[in-house]
């Protein structure tokens, strides 16, 4: 098992261009986490949620856990991101016209197809199910065509759902009344956008999150590091899509505005989720884990 784990981590770090320090961190924190998750599995699909702000490493962690659970513990894992459930650009355009212009931008609750996510989770509880998992192309800011969705044809033992807003709870009306950044002050003067986001959390998202059996949080030091972390992601996307016409990779000004859409709920989660999550990994500004709580 030890040699196999070492081989898996070495290959994973090589394929993802990760430094040796990530392997060290994975051996200390993530390999034991995979073993822990495996121990939680009984006979019905185990639902694991992974929360973390942009650039915190939640997608990388989710992929690594999927590999470890599959290769070390022979589990059938469904690894999905809430990002892949973003509404199409056409639907978001309708939301922007009918509710508030800020809904053209993907990210906040209200811009995901929660009905589709719910149906996917329900199918996981049925034997011999065949699932088509949506995929979202951030480079063009729209869904891939359904012919490019991923198909799952085996029973699911463990569901990994990662995303920046996994586990978020609704805010109080008092909190919503105060704008927290330039975007809200200038473009959501009457709080229509943020109140609708809040209502979506209460009426749609919380129902999904209550089904989570075990919630893991990668806790950033503060919202201040989100821009730098998100910029790293955007630079990688730019390198991957530099030859692609009409890509939607953001420049500095666009990115600064974009992350303001996330600020309110990210700060809300940083203050509330650490006491609600089952496991919290506190991160430093260099992405490295400083300690595990719970």
C-alpha atoms as a PDB file:
ATOM      1  CA  UNK A   1       0.000   0.000   0.000  1.00  0.00           C
ATOM      2  CA  UNK A   2       2.794   2.446   0.902  1.00  0.00           C
ATOM      3  CA  UNK A   3       4.646   1.924  -2.380  1.00  0.00           C
ATOM      4  CA  UNK A   4       1.437   2.162  -4.371  1.00  0.00           C
ATOM      5  CA  UNK A   5       0.488   5.409  -2.586  1.00  0.00           C
ATOM      6  CA  UNK A   6       3.910   6.884  -3.298  1.00  0.00           C
ATOM      7  CA  UNK A   7       3.600   5.952  -6.958  1.00  0.00           C
ATOM      8  CA  UNK A   8       0.110   7.477  -7.226  1.00  0.00           C
ATOM      9  CA  UNK A   9       1.204  10.758  -5.631  1.00  0.00           C
ATOM     10  CA  UNK A  10       4.364  11.022  -7.721  1.00  0.00           C
ATOM     11  CA  UNK A  11       2.389  10.524 -10.935  1.00  0.00           C
ATOM     12  CA  UNK A  12      -0.343  12.937  -9.811  1.00  0.00           C
ATOM     13  CA  UNK A  13       2.130  15.718  -8.997  1.00  0.00           C
ATOM     14  CA  UNK A  14       3.953  15.207 -12.296  1.00  0.00           C
ATOM     15  CA  UNK A  15       0.760  15.302 -14.379  1.00  0.00           C
ATOM     16  CA  UNK A  16      -0.459  18.441 -12.603  1.00  0.00           C
ATOM     17  CA  UNK A  17       2.936  20.191 -12.460  1.00  0.00           C
ATOM     18  CA  UNK A  18       2.739  20.326  -8.670  1.00  0.00           C
ATOM     19  CA  UNK A  19       5.803  20.926  -6.469  1.00  0.00           C
ATOM     20  CA  UNK A  20       7.316  18.290  -4.193  1.00  0.00           C
ATOM     21  CA  UNK A  21       5.799  20.135  -1.246  1.00  0.00           C
ATOM     22  CA  UNK A  22       2.342  19.112  -2.462  1.00  0.00           C
ATOM     23  CA  UNK A  23       3.292  15.447  -2.276  1.00  0.00           C
ATOM     24  CA  UNK A  24       4.553  15.971   1.281  1.00  0.00           C
ATOM     25  CA  UNK A  25       1.294  17.700   2.182  1.00  0.00           C
ATOM     26  CA  UNK A  26      -0.766  14.979   0.525  1.00  0.00           C
ATOM     27  CA  UNK A  27       1.029  12.265   2.485  1.00  0.00           C
ATOM     28  CA  UNK A  28       0.427  14.093   5.747  1.00  0.00           C
ATOM     29  CA  UNK A  29      -3.150  15.232   5.226  1.00  0.00           C
ATOM     30  CA  UNK A  30      -4.896  13.861   2.137  1.00  0.00           C
ATOM     31  CA  UNK A  31      -3.916  10.190   2.159  1.00  0.00           C
ATOM     32  CA  UNK A  32      -5.278   9.868   5.739  1.00  0.00           C
ATOM     33  CA  UNK A  33      -8.377  11.785   4.604  1.00  0.00           C
ATOM     34  CA  UNK A  34      -9.016   9.274   1.812  1.00  0.00           C
ATOM     35  CA  UNK A  35      -8.670   6.449   4.327  1.00  0.00           C
ATOM     36  CA  UNK A  36     -11.086   8.253   6.639  1.00  0.00           C
ATOM     37  CA  UNK A  37     -13.651   8.727   3.870  1.00  0.00           C
ATOM     38  CA  UNK A  38     -13.355   5.077   2.908  1.00  0.00           C
ATOM     39  CA  UNK A  39     -14.083   4.162   6.510  1.00  0.00           C
ATOM     40  CA  UNK A  40     -17.248   6.273   6.482  1.00  0.00           C
ATOM     41  CA  UNK A  41     -18.686   4.372   3.509  1.00  0.00           C
ATOM     42  CA  UNK A  42     -21.399   1.878   4.351  1.00  0.00           C
ATOM     43  CA  UNK A  43     -23.696   0.546   1.622  1.00  0.00           C
ATOM     44  CA  UNK A  44     -25.419   3.632   0.241  1.00  0.00           C
ATOM     45  CA  UNK A  45     -23.624   6.381  -1.699  1.00  0.00           C
ATOM     46  CA  UNK A  46     -21.584   8.577   0.648  1.00  0.00           C
ATOM     47  CA  UNK A  47     -21.928  12.287  -0.156  1.00  0.00           C
ATOM     48  CA  UNK A  48     -18.812  14.373   0.504  1.00  0.00           C
ATOM     49  CA  UNK A  49     -18.790  18.156   0.052  1.00  0.00           C
ATOM     50  CA  UNK A  50     -15.566  20.124  -0.486  1.00  0.00           C
ATOM     51  CA  UNK A  51     -15.628  23.884   0.056  1.00  0.00           C
ATOM     52  CA  UNK A  52     -12.935  26.428  -0.712  1.00  0.00           C
ATOM     53  CA  UNK A  53     -12.637  29.866  -2.278  1.00  0.00           C
ATOM     54  CA  UNK A  54     -11.231  30.407  -5.764  1.00  0.00           C
ATOM     55  CA  UNK A  55      -7.721  29.053  -6.107  1.00  0.00           C
ATOM     56  CA  UNK A  56      -7.701  27.258  -2.750  1.00  0.00           C
ATOM     57  CA  UNK A  57      -6.989  23.866  -4.331  1.00  0.00           C
ATOM     58  CA  UNK A  58     -10.396  22.238  -3.873  1.00  0.00           C
ATOM     59  CA  UNK A  59     -10.568  20.904  -7.443  1.00  0.00           C
ATOM     60  CA  UNK A  60      -7.087  19.402  -7.119  1.00  0.00           C
ATOM     61  CA  UNK A  61      -7.988  17.858  -3.764  1.00  0.00           C
ATOM     62  CA  UNK A  62     -11.223  16.437  -5.133  1.00  0.00           C
ATOM     63  CA  UNK A  63      -9.426  14.850  -8.089  1.00  0.00           C
ATOM     64  CA  UNK A  64      -6.723  13.396  -5.847  1.00  0.00           C
ATOM     65  CA  UNK A  65      -9.285  11.941  -3.436  1.00  0.00           C
ATOM     66  CA  UNK A  66     -11.121  10.393  -6.373  1.00  0.00           C
ATOM     67  CA  UNK A  67      -7.920   8.696  -7.548  1.00  0.00           C
ATOM     68  CA  UNK A  68      -6.940   7.504  -4.060  1.00  0.00           C
ATOM     69  CA  UNK A  69     -10.402   6.137  -3.289  1.00  0.00           C
ATOM     70  CA  UNK A  70     -10.545   4.379  -6.645  1.00  0.00           C
ATOM     71  CA  UNK A  71      -7.043   2.938  -6.782  1.00  0.00           C
ATOM     72  CA  UNK A  72      -6.384   2.205  -3.114  1.00  0.00           C
ATOM     73  CA  UNK A  73      -9.866   1.288  -1.895  1.00  0.00           C
ATOM     74  CA  UNK A  74     -11.638   0.098  -5.054  1.00  0.00           C
ATOM     75  CA  UNK A  75     -14.500   2.549  -4.722  1.00  0.00           C
ATOM     76  CA  UNK A  76     -16.601   3.837  -7.599  1.00  0.00           C
ATOM     77  CA  UNK A  77     -16.347   7.599  -7.251  1.00  0.00           C
ATOM     78  CA  UNK A  78     -18.404  10.317  -8.890  1.00  0.00           C
ATOM     79  CA  UNK A  79     -16.281  13.467  -8.805  1.00  0.00           C
ATOM     80  CA  UNK A  80     -18.290  16.537  -9.793  1.00  0.00           C
ATOM     81  CA  UNK A  81     -17.893  20.295  -9.526  1.00  0.00           C
ATOM     82  CA  UNK A  82     -20.730  22.717  -8.982  1.00  0.00           C
ATOM     83  CA  UNK A  83     -19.004  24.816 -11.675  1.00  0.00           C
ATOM     84  CA  UNK A  84     -20.112  22.303 -14.291  1.00  0.00           C
ATOM     85  CA  UNK A  85     -23.732  23.041 -13.412  1.00  0.00           C
ATOM     86  CA  UNK A  86     -23.595  26.693 -14.413  1.00  0.00           C
ATOM     87  CA  UNK A  87     -26.536  27.758 -16.522  1.00  0.00           C
ATOM     88  CA  UNK A  88     -25.853  28.313 -20.188  1.00  0.00           C
ATOM     89  CA  UNK A  89     -24.995  31.808 -21.314  1.00  0.00           C
ATOM     90  CA  UNK A  90     -28.460  32.059 -22.877  1.00  0.00           C
ATOM     91  CA  UNK A  91     -30.219  31.243 -19.595  1.00  0.00           C
ATOM     92  CA  UNK A  92     -28.008  33.691 -17.682  1.00  0.00           C
ATOM     93  CA  UNK A  93     -28.875  36.340 -20.250  1.00  0.00           C
ATOM     94  CA  UNK A  94     -32.551  35.734 -19.492  1.00  0.00           C
ATOM     95  CA  UNK A  95     -31.849  36.031 -15.749  1.00  0.00           C
ATOM     96  CA  UNK A  96     -30.002  39.276 -16.428  1.00  0.00           C
ATOM     97  CA  UNK A  97     -32.947  40.676 -18.358  1.00  0.00           C
ATOM     98  CA  UNK A  98     -35.694  39.437 -16.033  1.00  0.00           C
ATOM     99  CA  UNK A  99     -34.122  39.788 -12.576  1.00  0.00           C
ATOM    100  CA  UNK A 100     -30.866  41.771 -12.531  1.00  0.00           C
ATOM    101  CA  UNK A 101     -28.028  42.478 -15.001  1.00  0.00           C
ATOM    102  CA  UNK A 102     -25.394  41.015 -12.655  1.00  0.00           C
ATOM    103  CA  UNK A 103     -26.769  37.522 -13.268  1.00  0.00           C
ATOM    104  CA  UNK A 104     -25.052  37.450 -16.648  1.00  0.00           C
ATOM    105  CA  UNK A 105     -21.890  36.635 -14.691  1.00  0.00           C
ATOM    106  CA  UNK A 106     -21.521  33.021 -13.580  1.00  0.00           C
ATOM    107  CA  UNK A 107     -20.628  32.230  -9.992  1.00  0.00           C
ATOM    108  CA  UNK A 108     -23.172  33.134  -7.359  1.00  0.00           C
ATOM    109  CA  UNK A 109     -26.152  31.005  -6.312  1.00  0.00           C
ATOM    110  CA  UNK A 110     -28.848  31.490  -8.901  1.00  0.00           C
ATOM    111  CA  UNK A 111     -26.469  30.904 -11.813  1.00  0.00           C
ATOM    112  CA  UNK A 112     -26.412  27.095 -11.401  1.00  0.00           C
ATOM    113  CA  UNK A 113     -28.882  24.498 -12.651  1.00  0.00           C
ATOM    114  CA  UNK A 114     -29.726  23.106  -9.217  1.00  0.00           C
ATOM    115  CA  UNK A 115     -32.589  21.027 -10.606  1.00  0.00           C
ATOM    116  CA  UNK A 116     -30.113  19.148 -12.793  1.00  0.00           C
ATOM    117  CA  UNK A 117     -27.681  18.695  -9.896  1.00  0.00           C
ATOM    118  CA  UNK A 118     -30.476  17.364  -7.708  1.00  0.00           C
ATOM    119  CA  UNK A 119     -31.513  14.857 -10.385  1.00  0.00           C
ATOM    120  CA  UNK A 120     -27.908  13.630 -10.734  1.00  0.00           C
ATOM    121  CA  UNK A 121     -27.666  13.057  -6.983  1.00  0.00           C
ATOM    122  CA  UNK A 122     -30.985  11.216  -6.964  1.00  0.00           C
ATOM    123  CA  UNK A 123     -29.875   8.913  -9.792  1.00  0.00           C
ATOM    124  CA  UNK A 124     -26.828   7.935  -7.744  1.00  0.00           C
ATOM    125  CA  UNK A 125     -29.145   6.216  -5.277  1.00  0.00           C
ATOM    126  CA  UNK A 126     -30.632   4.026  -7.986  1.00  0.00           C
ATOM    127  CA  UNK A 127     -28.988   0.775  -9.088  1.00  0.00           C
ATOM    128  CA  UNK A 128     -27.830   0.346 -12.678  1.00  0.00           C
ATOM    129  CA  UNK A 129     -28.191   4.046 -13.397  1.00  0.00           C
ATOM    130  CA  UNK A 130     -26.688   5.693 -16.440  1.00  0.00           C
ATOM    131  CA  UNK A 131     -25.710   9.298 -15.805  1.00  0.00           C
ATOM    132  CA  UNK A 132     -24.716  12.104 -18.136  1.00  0.00           C
ATOM    133  CA  UNK A 133     -22.675  14.649 -16.195  1.00  0.00           C
ATOM    134  CA  UNK A 134     -22.610  18.194 -17.612  1.00  0.00           C
ATOM    135  CA  UNK A 135     -19.368  20.023 -18.364  1.00  0.00           C
ATOM    136  CA  UNK A 136     -18.815  23.772 -18.430  1.00  0.00           C
ATOM    137  CA  UNK A 137     -16.199  25.433 -20.616  1.00  0.00           C
ATOM    138  CA  UNK A 138     -14.897  28.503 -18.769  1.00  0.00           C
ATOM    139  CA  UNK A 139     -12.819  29.573 -21.750  1.00  0.00           C
ATOM    140  CA  UNK A 140     -15.999  30.301 -23.713  1.00  0.00           C
ATOM    141  CA  UNK A 141     -18.169  30.930 -20.631  1.00  0.00           C
ATOM    142  CA  UNK A 142     -20.768  28.385 -21.691  1.00  0.00           C
ATOM    143  CA  UNK A 143     -21.683  24.720 -21.379  1.00  0.00           C
ATOM    144  CA  UNK A 144     -20.137  22.083 -23.580  1.00  0.00           C
ATOM    145  CA  UNK A 145     -22.671  20.463 -25.888  1.00  0.00           C
ATOM    146  CA  UNK A 146     -24.420  17.437 -24.393  1.00  0.00           C
ATOM    147  CA  UNK A 147     -22.500  15.165 -26.759  1.00  0.00           C
ATOM    148  CA  UNK A 148     -19.380  16.106 -24.781  1.00  0.00           C
ATOM    149  CA  UNK A 149     -20.818  15.407 -21.336  1.00  0.00           C
ATOM    150  CA  UNK A 150     -19.303  12.602 -19.262  1.00  0.00           C
ATOM    151  CA  UNK A 151     -21.255   9.365 -18.982  1.00  0.00           C
ATOM    152  CA  UNK A 152     -21.262   7.236 -15.829  1.00  0.00           C
ATOM    153  CA  UNK A 153     -22.540   3.693 -16.168  1.00  0.00           C
ATOM    154  CA  UNK A 154     -21.451   2.059 -12.896  1.00  0.00           C
ATOM    155  CA  UNK A 155     -23.042   2.207  -9.429  1.00  0.00           C
ATOM    156  CA  UNK A 156     -21.665   5.066  -7.323  1.00  0.00           C
ATOM    157  CA  UNK A 157     -20.135   4.433  -3.911  1.00  0.00           C
ATOM    158  CA  UNK A 158     -18.880   7.918  -3.091  1.00  0.00           C
ATOM    159  CA  UNK A 159     -19.945  11.320  -4.452  1.00  0.00           C
ATOM    160  CA  UNK A 160     -17.423  14.168  -4.261  1.00  0.00           C
ATOM    161  CA  UNK A 161     -19.022  17.582  -4.866  1.00  0.00           C
ATOM    162  CA  UNK A 162     -16.591  20.479  -4.843  1.00  0.00           C
ATOM    163  CA  UNK A 163     -17.245  24.170  -5.274  1.00  0.00           C
ATOM    164  CA  UNK A 164     -16.625  27.579  -3.828  1.00  0.00           C
ATOM    165  CA  UNK A 165     -20.116  27.883  -2.319  1.00  0.00           C
ATOM    166  CA  UNK A 166     -20.656  24.303  -1.129  1.00  0.00           C
ATOM    167  CA  UNK A 167     -22.302  24.408   2.290  1.00  0.00           C
ATOM    168  CA  UNK A 168     -23.113  28.119   2.215  1.00  0.00           C
ATOM    169  CA  UNK A 169     -26.052  29.327   4.305  1.00  0.00           C
ATOM    170  CA  UNK A 170     -28.331  32.289   3.710  1.00  0.00           C
ATOM    171  CA  UNK A 171     -27.493  35.664   5.238  1.00  0.00           C
ATOM    172  CA  UNK A 172     -29.684  37.836   7.439  1.00  0.00           C
ATOM    173  CA  UNK A 173     -31.718  40.667   5.957  1.00  0.00           C
ATOM    174  CA  UNK A 174     -29.650  43.086   8.022  1.00  0.00           C
ATOM    175  CA  UNK A 175     -26.418  41.861   6.428  1.00  0.00           C
ATOM    176  CA  UNK A 176     -27.883  42.195   2.930  1.00  0.00           C
ATOM    177  CA  UNK A 177     -28.819  45.825   3.461  1.00  0.00           C
ATOM    178  CA  UNK A 178     -25.186  46.984   3.487  1.00  0.00           C
ATOM    179  CA  UNK A 179     -23.129  46.915   0.247  1.00  0.00           C
ATOM    180  CA  UNK A 180     -19.657  45.507   0.864  1.00  0.00           C
ATOM    181  CA  UNK A 181     -17.742  46.595  -2.235  1.00  0.00           C
ATOM    182  CA  UNK A 182     -17.778  48.895  -5.241  1.00  0.00           C
ATOM    183  CA  UNK A 183     -19.732  46.411  -7.362  1.00  0.00           C
ATOM    184  CA  UNK A 184     -22.626  46.302  -4.912  1.00  0.00           C
ATOM    185  CA  UNK A 185     -22.548  50.043  -4.282  1.00  0.00           C
ATOM    186  CA  UNK A 186     -22.685  50.986  -7.944  1.00  0.00           C
ATOM    187  CA  UNK A 187     -24.436  48.064  -9.684  1.00  0.00           C
ATOM    188  CA  UNK A 188     -26.765  46.668  -7.009  1.00  0.00           C
ATOM    189  CA  UNK A 189     -27.938  49.898  -5.434  1.00  0.00           C
ATOM    190  CA  UNK A 190     -31.292  48.476  -4.285  1.00  0.00           C
ATOM    191  CA  UNK A 191     -29.905  45.045  -3.245  1.00  0.00           C
ATOM    192  CA  UNK A 192     -32.086  43.225  -5.813  1.00  0.00           C
ATOM    193  CA  UNK A 193     -29.229  40.994  -6.993  1.00  0.00           C
ATOM    194  CA  UNK A 194     -27.919  39.976  -3.581  1.00  0.00           C
ATOM    195  CA  UNK A 195     -31.402  39.402  -2.169  1.00  0.00           C
ATOM    196  CA  UNK A 196     -32.245  37.089  -5.062  1.00  0.00           C
ATOM    197  CA  UNK A 197     -28.967  35.237  -4.507  1.00  0.00           C
ATOM    198  CA  UNK A 198     -29.903  34.852  -0.852  1.00  0.00           C
ATOM    199  CA  UNK A 199     -33.362  33.541  -1.726  1.00  0.00           C
ATOM    200  CA  UNK A 200     -31.831  30.988  -4.089  1.00  0.00           C
ATOM    201  CA  UNK A 201     -29.621  29.750  -1.251  1.00  0.00           C
ATOM    202  CA  UNK A 202     -32.617  29.347   1.050  1.00  0.00           C
ATOM    203  CA  UNK A 203     -34.976  27.820  -1.487  1.00  0.00           C
ATOM    204  CA  UNK A 204     -32.657  25.676  -3.636  1.00  0.00           C
ATOM    205  CA  UNK A 205     -29.072  25.277  -2.456  1.00  0.00           C
ATOM    206  CA  UNK A 206     -29.573  24.573   1.230  1.00  0.00           C
ATOM    207  CA  UNK A 207     -31.730  21.555   0.321  1.00  0.00           C
ATOM    208  CA  UNK A 208     -28.779  20.059  -1.577  1.00  0.00           C
ATOM    209  CA  UNK A 209     -26.240  20.909   1.104  1.00  0.00           C
ATOM    210  CA  UNK A 210     -28.304  19.308   3.860  1.00  0.00           C
ATOM    211  CA  UNK A 211     -27.809  15.972   2.095  1.00  0.00           C
ATOM    212  CA  UNK A 212     -24.008  16.182   2.514  1.00  0.00           C
ATOM    213  CA  UNK A 213     -22.740  13.472   4.864  1.00  0.00           C
ATOM    214  CA  UNK A 214     -19.304  14.978   5.441  1.00  0.00           C
ATOM    215  CA  UNK A 215     -18.218  18.551   4.691  1.00  0.00           C
ATOM    216  CA  UNK A 216     -14.553  19.451   4.152  1.00  0.00           C
ATOM    217  CA  UNK A 217     -13.376  23.064   4.051  1.00  0.00           C
ATOM    218  CA  UNK A 218     -10.130  24.506   2.713  1.00  0.00           C
ATOM    219  CA  UNK A 219     -10.086  27.723   4.729  1.00  0.00           C
ATOM    220  CA  UNK A 220      -8.262  30.670   3.156  1.00  0.00           C
ATOM    221  CA  UNK A 221      -6.588  33.209   5.461  1.00  0.00           C
ATOM    222  CA  UNK A 222      -8.951  35.930   4.214  1.00  0.00           C
ATOM    223  CA  UNK A 223     -10.692  37.173   1.100  1.00  0.00           C
ATOM    224  CA  UNK A 224      -7.652  39.332   0.338  1.00  0.00           C
ATOM    225  CA  UNK A 225      -5.750  36.391  -1.144  1.00  0.00           C
ATOM    226  CA  UNK A 226      -8.551  35.446  -3.559  1.00  0.00           C
ATOM    227  CA  UNK A 227      -7.438  37.811  -6.313  1.00  0.00           C
ATOM    228  CA  UNK A 228      -3.880  36.451  -6.389  1.00  0.00           C
ATOM    229  CA  UNK A 229      -5.050  32.833  -6.228  1.00  0.00           C
ATOM    230  CA  UNK A 230      -7.690  33.368  -8.903  1.00  0.00           C
ATOM    231  CA  UNK A 231      -5.140  35.138 -11.104  1.00  0.00           C
ATOM    232  CA  UNK A 232      -2.980  31.992 -11.070  1.00  0.00           C
ATOM    233  CA  UNK A 233      -5.967  30.007 -12.351  1.00  0.00           C
ATOM    234  CA  UNK A 234      -6.678  32.578 -15.050  1.00  0.00           C
ATOM    235  CA  UNK A 235      -3.043  32.563 -16.192  1.00  0.00           C
ATOM    236  CA  UNK A 236      -3.151  28.763 -16.541  1.00  0.00           C
ATOM    237  CA  UNK A 237      -6.386  28.998 -18.517  1.00  0.00           C
ATOM    238  CA  UNK A 238      -4.805  31.628 -20.756  1.00  0.00           C
ATOM    239  CA  UNK A 239      -1.888  29.325 -21.536  1.00  0.00           C
ATOM    240  CA  UNK A 240      -4.240  26.442 -22.364  1.00  0.00           C
ATOM    241  CA  UNK A 241      -6.485  28.508 -24.632  1.00  0.00           C
ATOM    242  CA  UNK A 242      -4.086  31.055 -26.172  1.00  0.00           C
ATOM    243  CA  UNK A 243      -4.631  29.623 -29.660  1.00  0.00           C
ATOM    244  CA  UNK A 244      -8.405  29.481 -29.237  1.00  0.00           C
ATOM    245  CA  UNK A 245     -10.377  32.295 -30.818  1.00  0.00           C
ATOM    246  CA  UNK A 246     -13.057  34.111 -28.812  1.00  0.00           C
ATOM    247  CA  UNK A 247     -11.927  32.824 -25.433  1.00  0.00           C
ATOM    248  CA  UNK A 248     -13.140  34.603 -22.298  1.00  0.00           C
ATOM    249  CA  UNK A 249      -9.936  34.667 -20.269  1.00  0.00           C
ATOM    250  CA  UNK A 250      -9.984  37.806 -18.117  1.00  0.00           C
ATOM    251  CA  UNK A 251      -7.479  40.634 -17.942  1.00  0.00           C
ATOM    252  CA  UNK A 252      -6.577  42.334 -14.648  1.00  0.00           C
ATOM    253  CA  UNK A 253      -9.440  44.853 -14.609  1.00  0.00           C
ATOM    254  CA  UNK A 254     -12.005  42.210 -15.548  1.00  0.00           C
ATOM    255  CA  UNK A 255     -10.695  39.835 -12.882  1.00  0.00           C
ATOM    256  CA  UNK A 256     -10.801  42.511 -10.171  1.00  0.00           C
ATOM    257  CA  UNK A 257     -14.450  43.190 -10.972  1.00  0.00           C
ATOM    258  CA  UNK A 258     -15.253  39.482 -11.340  1.00  0.00           C
ATOM    259  CA  UNK A 259     -14.104  38.462  -7.871  1.00  0.00           C
ATOM    260  CA  UNK A 260     -16.268  41.166  -6.290  1.00  0.00           C
ATOM    261  CA  UNK A 261     -19.257  39.000  -7.242  1.00  0.00           C
ATOM    262  CA  UNK A 262     -17.884  36.387  -4.811  1.00  0.00           C
ATOM    263  CA  UNK A 263     -16.747  38.612  -1.957  1.00  0.00           C
ATOM    264  CA  UNK A 264     -19.929  38.743   0.107  1.00  0.00           C
ATOM    265  CA  UNK A 265     -20.494  35.004   0.308  1.00  0.00           C
ATOM    266  CA  UNK A 266     -16.806  34.135   0.590  1.00  0.00           C
ATOM    267  CA  UNK A 267     -16.448  36.356   3.654  1.00  0.00           C
ATOM    268  CA  UNK A 268     -19.715  34.980   5.034  1.00  0.00           C
ATOM    269  CA  UNK A 269     -18.452  31.403   4.650  1.00  0.00           C
ATOM    270  CA  UNK A 270     -15.043  32.179   6.135  1.00  0.00           C
ATOM    271  CA  UNK A 271     -16.820  33.387   9.271  1.00  0.00           C
ATOM    272  CA  UNK A 272     -19.504  30.686   9.531  1.00  0.00           C
ATOM    273  CA  UNK A 273     -18.389  27.417   7.908  1.00  0.00           C
ATOM    274  CA  UNK A 274     -15.365  26.592  10.100  1.00  0.00           C
ATOM    275  CA  UNK A 275     -17.717  25.733  12.967  1.00  0.00           C
ATOM    276  CA  UNK A 276     -20.100  23.789  10.718  1.00  0.00           C
ATOM    277  CA  UNK A 277     -17.713  21.733   8.572  1.00  0.00           C
ATOM    278  CA  UNK A 278     -16.631  18.270   9.687  1.00  0.00           C
ATOM    279  CA  UNK A 279     -13.002  18.899   8.691  1.00  0.00           C
ATOM    280  CA  UNK A 280     -11.245  22.254   8.222  1.00  0.00           C
ATOM    281  CA  UNK A 281      -7.796  22.634   6.691  1.00  0.00           C
ATOM    282  CA  UNK A 282      -6.452  26.088   7.454  1.00  0.00           C
ATOM    283  CA  UNK A 283      -4.338  27.475   4.602  1.00  0.00           C
ATOM    284  CA  UNK A 284      -1.525  29.975   4.532  1.00  0.00           C
ATOM    285  CA  UNK A 285      -1.114  32.593   1.794  1.00  0.00           C
ATOM    286  CA  UNK A 286       1.218  30.132   0.041  1.00  0.00           C
ATOM    287  CA  UNK A 287      -1.622  27.564  -0.240  1.00  0.00           C
ATOM    288  CA  UNK A 288       0.068  25.235   2.223  1.00  0.00           C
ATOM    289  CA  UNK A 289      -1.949  23.737   5.069  1.00  0.00           C
ATOM    290  CA  UNK A 290      -0.990  25.151   8.448  1.00  0.00           C
ATOM    291  CA  UNK A 291      -3.209  22.831  10.491  1.00  0.00           C
ATOM    292  CA  UNK A 292      -6.247  20.589  10.439  1.00  0.00           C
ATOM    293  CA  UNK A 293      -9.185  21.353  12.708  1.00  0.00           C
ATOM    294  CA  UNK A 294     -11.862  18.794  13.751  1.00  0.00           C
END
